[in-house]
Every structure is written in structure tokens, then in C-alpha cells.
Amino acid sequence: CHVRGAHIPLKMNRTILNLLKHYNI
């Protein structure tokens, strides 16, 4: 995620991962 999404802040990556836990399918 860090290499591919160089413009995505680390906090945003963590937030997305946390939200994926909540919106689990």
C-alpha cells in the first residue's frame, strides 16, 4: 500500500483497513 499508493497517507490506509473490518463481507 505504501509503494503503490504513494499519495495515500498512512493514516488513511489504516483508517480504510479499520473500516473494512467493520464493513466485512
PDB file of all heavy atoms in Angstrom:
ATOM      1  N   CYS A   1       0.839  -1.206   0.000  1.00  0.00           N
ATOM      2  CA  CYS A   1       0.000   0.000   0.000  1.00  0.00           C
ATOM      3  C   CYS A   1       0.866   1.244   0.000  1.00  0.00           C
ATOM      4  O   CYS A   1       0.566   2.212  -0.661  1.00  0.00           O
ATOM      5  CB  CYS A   1      -0.922   0.017   1.214  1.00  0.00           C
ATOM      6  SG  CYS A   1      -2.242  -1.197   1.111  1.00  0.00           S
ATOM      7  N   HIS A   2       1.973   1.195   0.731  1.00  0.00           N
ATOM      8  CA  HIS A   2       2.847   2.363   0.795  1.00  0.00           C
ATOM      9  C   HIS A   2       3.511   2.622  -0.566  1.00  0.00           C
ATOM     10  O   HIS A   2       3.576   3.751  -1.011  1.00  0.00           O
ATOM     11  CB  HIS A   2       3.896   2.177   1.877  1.00  0.00           C
ATOM     12  CG  HIS A   2       4.817   3.336   1.996  1.00  0.00           C
ATOM     13  ND1 HIS A   2       4.398   4.547   2.480  1.00  0.00           N
ATOM     14  CD2 HIS A   2       6.111   3.490   1.659  1.00  0.00           C
ATOM     15  CE1 HIS A   2       5.398   5.399   2.447  1.00  0.00           C
ATOM     16  NE2 HIS A   2       6.456   4.777   1.957  1.00  0.00           N
ATOM     17  N   VAL A   3       3.977   1.577  -1.223  1.00  0.00           N
ATOM     18  CA  VAL A   3       4.655   1.752  -2.504  1.00  0.00           C
ATOM     19  C   VAL A   3       3.657   2.112  -3.587  1.00  0.00           C
ATOM     20  O   VAL A   3       3.828   3.054  -4.324  1.00  0.00           O
ATOM     21  CB  VAL A   3       5.429   0.469  -2.891  1.00  0.00           C
ATOM     22  CG1 VAL A   3       5.961   0.564  -4.301  1.00  0.00           C
ATOM     23  CG2 VAL A   3       6.555   0.243  -1.911  1.00  0.00           C
ATOM     24  N   ARG A   4       2.565   1.352  -3.690  1.00  0.00           N
ATOM     25  CA  ARG A   4       1.586   1.556  -4.751  1.00  0.00           C
ATOM     26  C   ARG A   4       0.839   2.867  -4.560  1.00  0.00           C
ATOM     27  O   ARG A   4       0.643   3.623  -5.468  1.00  0.00           O
ATOM     28  CB  ARG A   4       0.603   0.371  -4.759  1.00  0.00           C
ATOM     29  CG  ARG A   4      -0.587   0.534  -5.678  1.00  0.00           C
ATOM     30  CD  ARG A   4      -0.146   0.536  -7.137  1.00  0.00           C
ATOM     31  NE  ARG A   4      -1.290   0.656  -8.002  1.00  0.00           N
ATOM     32  CZ  ARG A   4      -1.715   1.778  -8.535  1.00  0.00           C
ATOM     33  NH1 ARG A   4      -1.102   2.902  -8.270  1.00  0.00           N
ATOM     34  NH2 ARG A   4      -2.743   1.801  -9.332  1.00  0.00           N
ATOM     35  N   GLY A   5       0.414   3.147  -3.353  1.00  0.00           N
ATOM     36  CA  GLY A   5      -0.359   4.348  -3.071  1.00  0.00           C
ATOM     37  C   GLY A   5       0.506   5.397  -2.426  1.00  0.00           C
ATOM     38  O   GLY A   5       0.274   5.767  -1.288  1.00  0.00           O
ATOM     39  N   ALA A   6       1.525   5.835  -3.107  1.00  0.00           N
ATOM     40  CA  ALA A   6       2.463   6.784  -2.533  1.00  0.00           C
ATOM     41  C   ALA A   6       1.784   8.080  -2.111  1.00  0.00           C
ATOM     42  O   ALA A   6       2.279   8.775  -1.252  1.00  0.00           O
ATOM     43  CB  ALA A   6       3.580   7.075  -3.538  1.00  0.00           C
ATOM     44  N   HIS A   7       0.637   8.398  -2.702  1.00  0.00           N
ATOM     45  CA  HIS A   7      -0.055   9.631  -2.357  1.00  0.00           C
ATOM     46  C   HIS A   7      -1.131   9.415  -1.303  1.00  0.00           C
ATOM     47  O   HIS A   7      -1.839  10.330  -0.948  1.00  0.00           O
ATOM     48  CB  HIS A   7      -0.682  10.254  -3.604  1.00  0.00           C
ATOM     49  CG  HIS A   7       0.337  10.631  -4.631  1.00  0.00           C
ATOM     50  ND1 HIS A   7       1.273  11.603  -4.414  1.00  0.00           N
ATOM     51  CD2 HIS A   7       0.586  10.155  -5.861  1.00  0.00           C
ATOM     52  CE1 HIS A   7       2.050  11.726  -5.480  1.00  0.00           C
ATOM     53  NE2 HIS A   7       1.654  10.844  -6.374  1.00  0.00           N
ATOM     54  N   ILE A   8      -1.260   8.186  -0.813  1.00  0.00           N
ATOM     55  CA  ILE A   8      -2.242   7.893   0.224  1.00  0.00           C
ATOM     56  C   ILE A   8      -1.539   7.980   1.572  1.00  0.00           C
ATOM     57  O   ILE A   8      -0.602   7.221   1.831  1.00  0.00           O
ATOM     58  CB  ILE A   8      -2.866   6.491   0.033  1.00  0.00           C
ATOM     59  CG1 ILE A   8      -3.600   6.421  -1.298  1.00  0.00           C
ATOM     60  CG2 ILE A   8      -3.817   6.168   1.181  1.00  0.00           C
ATOM     61  CD1 ILE A   8      -4.135   5.052  -1.624  1.00  0.00           C
ATOM     62  N   PRO A   9      -1.971   8.887   2.432  1.00  0.00           N
ATOM     63  CA  PRO A   9      -1.328   9.000   3.742  1.00  0.00           C
ATOM     64  C   PRO A   9      -1.485   7.701   4.542  1.00  0.00           C
ATOM     65  O   PRO A   9      -2.471   6.985   4.402  1.00  0.00           O
ATOM     66  CB  PRO A   9      -2.088  10.142   4.420  1.00  0.00           C
ATOM     67  CG  PRO A   9      -2.760  10.876   3.314  1.00  0.00           C
ATOM     68  CD  PRO A   9      -3.006   9.878   2.225  1.00  0.00           C
ATOM     69  N   LEU A  10      -0.515   7.411   5.390  1.00  0.00           N
ATOM     70  CA  LEU A  10      -0.523   6.201   6.201  1.00  0.00           C
ATOM     71  C   LEU A  10      -1.786   6.143   7.063  1.00  0.00           C
ATOM     72  O   LEU A  10      -2.406   5.084   7.198  1.00  0.00           O
ATOM     73  CB  LEU A  10       0.739   6.149   7.071  1.00  0.00           C
ATOM     74  CG  LEU A  10       0.932   4.906   7.926  1.00  0.00           C
ATOM     75  CD1 LEU A  10       0.993   3.659   7.034  1.00  0.00           C
ATOM     76  CD2 LEU A  10       2.194   5.026   8.749  1.00  0.00           C
ATOM     77  N   LYS A  11      -2.174   7.277   7.631  1.00  0.00           N
ATOM     78  CA  LYS A  11      -3.383   7.312   8.473  1.00  0.00           C
ATOM     79  C   LYS A  11      -4.609   6.899   7.662  1.00  0.00           C
ATOM     80  O   LYS A  11      -5.479   6.189   8.153  1.00  0.00           O
ATOM     81  CB  LYS A  11      -3.579   8.707   9.058  1.00  0.00           C
ATOM     82  CG  LYS A  11      -4.802   8.820   9.936  1.00  0.00           C
ATOM     83  CD  LYS A  11      -4.982  10.216  10.501  1.00  0.00           C
ATOM     84  CE  LYS A  11      -6.270  10.286  11.318  1.00  0.00           C
ATOM     85  NZ  LYS A  11      -6.522  11.636  11.809  1.00  0.00           N
ATOM     86  N   MET A  12      -4.658   7.320   6.407  1.00  0.00           N
ATOM     87  CA  MET A  12      -5.791   6.965   5.560  1.00  0.00           C
ATOM     88  C   MET A  12      -5.787   5.462   5.281  1.00  0.00           C
ATOM     89  O   MET A  12      -6.840   4.823   5.299  1.00  0.00           O
ATOM     90  CB  MET A  12      -5.754   7.754   4.261  1.00  0.00           C
ATOM     91  CG  MET A  12      -6.987   7.624   3.433  1.00  0.00           C
ATOM     92  SD  MET A  12      -6.926   8.822   2.077  1.00  0.00           S
ATOM     93  CE  MET A  12      -8.450   8.446   1.265  1.00  0.00           C
ATOM     94  N   ASN A  13      -4.618   4.873   5.017  1.00  0.00           N
ATOM     95  CA  ASN A  13      -4.525   3.423   4.816  1.00  0.00           C
ATOM     96  C   ASN A  13      -5.030   2.669   6.041  1.00  0.00           C
ATOM     97  O   ASN A  13      -5.800   1.733   5.926  1.00  0.00           O
ATOM     98  CB  ASN A  13      -3.087   3.002   4.515  1.00  0.00           C
ATOM     99  CG  ASN A  13      -2.790   2.993   3.042  1.00  0.00           C
ATOM    100  OD1 ASN A  13      -3.680   2.846   2.220  1.00  0.00           O
ATOM    101  ND2 ASN A  13      -1.531   3.156   2.710  1.00  0.00           N
ATOM    102  N   ARG A  14      -4.577   3.085   7.225  1.00  0.00           N
ATOM    103  CA  ARG A  14      -5.016   2.434   8.466  1.00  0.00           C
ATOM    104  C   ARG A  14      -6.519   2.582   8.657  1.00  0.00           C
ATOM    105  O   ARG A  14      -7.197   1.642   9.063  1.00  0.00           O
ATOM    106  CB  ARG A  14      -4.277   3.035   9.661  1.00  0.00           C
ATOM    107  CG  ARG A  14      -2.872   2.570   9.779  1.00  0.00           C
ATOM    108  CD  ARG A  14      -2.291   2.985  11.138  1.00  0.00           C
ATOM    109  NE  ARG A  14      -0.857   3.066  11.001  1.00  0.00           N
ATOM    110  CZ  ARG A  14      -0.124   4.099  11.366  1.00  0.00           C
ATOM    111  NH1 ARG A  14      -0.674   5.149  11.902  1.00  0.00           N
ATOM    112  NH2 ARG A  14       1.175   4.087  11.201  1.00  0.00           N
ATOM    113  N   THR A  15      -7.022   3.756   8.366  1.00  0.00           N
ATOM    114  CA  THR A  15      -8.454   4.004   8.528  1.00  0.00           C
ATOM    115  C   THR A  15      -9.265   3.107   7.603  1.00  0.00           C
ATOM    116  O   THR A  15     -10.274   2.527   8.009  1.00  0.00           O
ATOM    117  CB  THR A  15      -8.762   5.491   8.244  1.00  0.00           C
ATOM    118  OG1 THR A  15      -7.971   6.294   9.124  1.00  0.00           O
ATOM    119  CG2 THR A  15     -10.221   5.809   8.462  1.00  0.00           C
ATOM    120  N   ILE A  16      -8.824   2.972   6.364  1.00  0.00           N
ATOM    121  CA  ILE A  16      -9.526   2.107   5.407  1.00  0.00           C
ATOM    122  C   ILE A  16      -9.511   0.661   5.900  1.00  0.00           C
ATOM    123  O   ILE A  16     -10.543  -0.029   5.855  1.00  0.00           O
ATOM    124  CB  ILE A  16      -8.911   2.233   3.999  1.00  0.00           C
ATOM    125  CG1 ILE A  16      -9.218   3.610   3.416  1.00  0.00           C
ATOM    126  CG2 ILE A  16      -9.429   1.143   3.066  1.00  0.00           C
ATOM    127  CD1 ILE A  16      -8.452   3.951   2.157  1.00  0.00           C
ATOM    128  N   LEU A  17      -8.362   0.190   6.394  1.00  0.00           N
ATOM    129  CA  LEU A  17      -8.289  -1.180   6.916  1.00  0.00           C
ATOM    130  C   LEU A  17      -9.234  -1.371   8.097  1.00  0.00           C
ATOM    131  O   LEU A  17      -9.904  -2.407   8.203  1.00  0.00           O
ATOM    132  CB  LEU A  17      -6.850  -1.525   7.302  1.00  0.00           C
ATOM    133  CG  LEU A  17      -5.881  -1.720   6.139  1.00  0.00           C
ATOM    134  CD1 LEU A  17      -4.450  -1.891   6.642  1.00  0.00           C
ATOM    135  CD2 LEU A  17      -6.290  -2.912   5.294  1.00  0.00           C
ATOM    136  N   ASN A  18      -9.318  -0.381   8.997  1.00  0.00           N
ATOM    137  CA  ASN A  18     -10.250  -0.468  10.129  1.00  0.00           C
ATOM    138  C   ASN A  18     -11.697  -0.500   9.651  1.00  0.00           C
ATOM    139  O   ASN A  18     -12.513  -1.257  10.169  1.00  0.00           O
ATOM    140  CB  ASN A  18     -10.050   0.706  11.086  1.00  0.00           C
ATOM    141  CG  ASN A  18      -8.766   0.591  11.877  1.00  0.00           C
ATOM    142  OD1 ASN A  18      -8.212  -0.495  12.032  1.00  0.00           O
ATOM    143  ND2 ASN A  18      -8.269   1.714  12.356  1.00  0.00           N
ATOM    144  N   LEU A  19     -12.003   0.326   8.657  1.00  0.00           N
ATOM    145  CA  LEU A  19     -13.375   0.351   8.140  1.00  0.00           C
ATOM    146  C   LEU A  19     -13.726  -0.956   7.437  1.00  0.00           C
ATOM    147  O   LEU A  19     -14.870  -1.411   7.502  1.00  0.00           O
ATOM    148  CB  LEU A  19     -13.563   1.540   7.189  1.00  0.00           C
ATOM    149  CG  LEU A  19     -13.597   2.903   7.870  1.00  0.00           C
ATOM    150  CD1 LEU A  19     -13.524   4.018   6.841  1.00  0.00           C
ATOM    151  CD2 LEU A  19     -14.862   3.039   8.716  1.00  0.00           C
ATOM    152  N   LEU A  20     -12.746  -1.566   6.776  1.00  0.00           N
ATOM    153  CA  LEU A  20     -13.006  -2.856   6.125  1.00  0.00           C
ATOM    154  C   LEU A  20     -13.340  -3.931   7.149  1.00  0.00           C
ATOM    155  O   LEU A  20     -14.102  -4.853   6.855  1.00  0.00           O
ATOM    156  CB  LEU A  20     -11.806  -3.270   5.273  1.00  0.00           C
ATOM    157  CG  LEU A  20     -11.660  -2.518   3.957  1.00  0.00           C
ATOM    158  CD1 LEU A  20     -10.337  -2.869   3.279  1.00  0.00           C
ATOM    159  CD2 LEU A  20     -12.819  -2.814   3.024  1.00  0.00           C
ATOM    160  N   LYS A  21     -12.802  -3.829   8.353  1.00  0.00           N
ATOM    161  CA  LYS A  21     -13.163  -4.768   9.414  1.00  0.00           C
ATOM    162  C   LYS A  21     -14.624  -4.582   9.802  1.00  0.00           C
ATOM    163  O   LYS A  21     -15.327  -5.540  10.075  1.00  0.00           O
ATOM    164  CB  LYS A  21     -12.264  -4.564  10.640  1.00  0.00           C
ATOM    165  CG  LYS A  21     -10.834  -4.996  10.427  1.00  0.00           C
ATOM    166  CD  LYS A  21      -9.995  -4.667  11.651  1.00  0.00           C
ATOM    167  CE  LYS A  21      -8.515  -4.837  11.377  1.00  0.00           C
ATOM    168  NZ  LYS A  21      -7.691  -4.332  12.490  1.00  0.00           N
ATOM    169  N   HIS A  22     -15.065  -3.324   9.841  1.00  0.00           N
ATOM    170  CA  HIS A  22     -16.457  -3.035  10.211  1.00  0.00           C
ATOM    171  C   HIS A  22     -17.420  -3.422   9.093  1.00  0.00           C
ATOM    172  O   HIS A  22     -18.462  -4.007   9.335  1.00  0.00           O
ATOM    173  CB  HIS A  22     -16.624  -1.554  10.557  1.00  0.00           C
ATOM    174  CG  HIS A  22     -18.015  -1.198  10.946  1.00  0.00           C
ATOM    175  ND1 HIS A  22     -18.512  -1.480  12.188  1.00  0.00           N
ATOM    176  CD2 HIS A  22     -19.021  -0.611  10.253  1.00  0.00           C
ATOM    177  CE1 HIS A  22     -19.782  -1.079  12.240  1.00  0.00           C
ATOM    178  NE2 HIS A  22     -20.104  -0.542  11.085  1.00  0.00           N
ATOM    179  N   TYR A  23     -17.084  -3.089   7.862  1.00  0.00           N
ATOM    180  CA  TYR A  23     -17.922  -3.389   6.700  1.00  0.00           C
ATOM    181  C   TYR A  23     -17.441  -4.691   6.055  1.00  0.00           C
ATOM    182  O   TYR A  23     -17.095  -4.731   4.888  1.00  0.00           O
ATOM    183  CB  TYR A  23     -17.886  -2.235   5.690  1.00  0.00           C
ATOM    184  CG  TYR A  23     -18.561  -0.993   6.210  1.00  0.00           C
ATOM    185  CD1 TYR A  23     -17.821   0.038   6.761  1.00  0.00           C
ATOM    186  CD2 TYR A  23     -19.942  -0.871   6.176  1.00  0.00           C
ATOM    187  CE1 TYR A  23     -18.436   1.167   7.259  1.00  0.00           C
ATOM    188  CE2 TYR A  23     -20.566   0.252   6.672  1.00  0.00           C
ATOM    189  CZ  TYR A  23     -19.813   1.265   7.213  1.00  0.00           C
ATOM    190  OH  TYR A  23     -20.423   2.391   7.703  1.00  0.00           O
ATOM    191  N   ASN A  24     -17.433  -5.740   6.845  1.00  0.00           N
ATOM    192  CA  ASN A  24     -16.924  -7.032   6.405  1.00  0.00           C
ATOM    193  C   ASN A  24     -17.984  -7.772   5.590  1.00  0.00           C
ATOM    194  O   ASN A  24     -19.154  -7.811   5.978  1.00  0.00           O
ATOM    195  CB  ASN A  24     -16.526  -7.863   7.632  1.00  0.00           C
ATOM    196  CG  ASN A  24     -15.705  -9.063   7.276  1.00  0.00           C
ATOM    197  OD1 ASN A  24     -15.201  -9.168   6.160  1.00  0.00           O
ATOM    198  ND2 ASN A  24     -15.551  -9.965   8.217  1.00  0.00           N
ATOM    199  N   ILE A  25     -17.578  -8.325   4.449  1.00  0.00           N
ATOM    200  CA  ILE A  25     -18.472  -9.142   3.629  1.00  0.00           C
ATOM    201  C   ILE A  25     -17.798 -10.488   3.386  1.00  0.00           C
ATOM    202  O   ILE A  25     -16.601 -10.633   3.594  1.00  0.00           O
ATOM    203  CB  ILE A  25     -18.815  -8.458   2.284  1.00  0.00           C
ATOM    204  CG1 ILE A  25     -17.550  -8.144   1.489  1.00  0.00           C
ATOM    205  CG2 ILE A  25     -19.667  -7.222   2.492  1.00  0.00           C
ATOM    206  CD1 ILE A  25     -17.807  -7.601   0.091  1.00  0.00           C
TER     207      ILE A  25
END
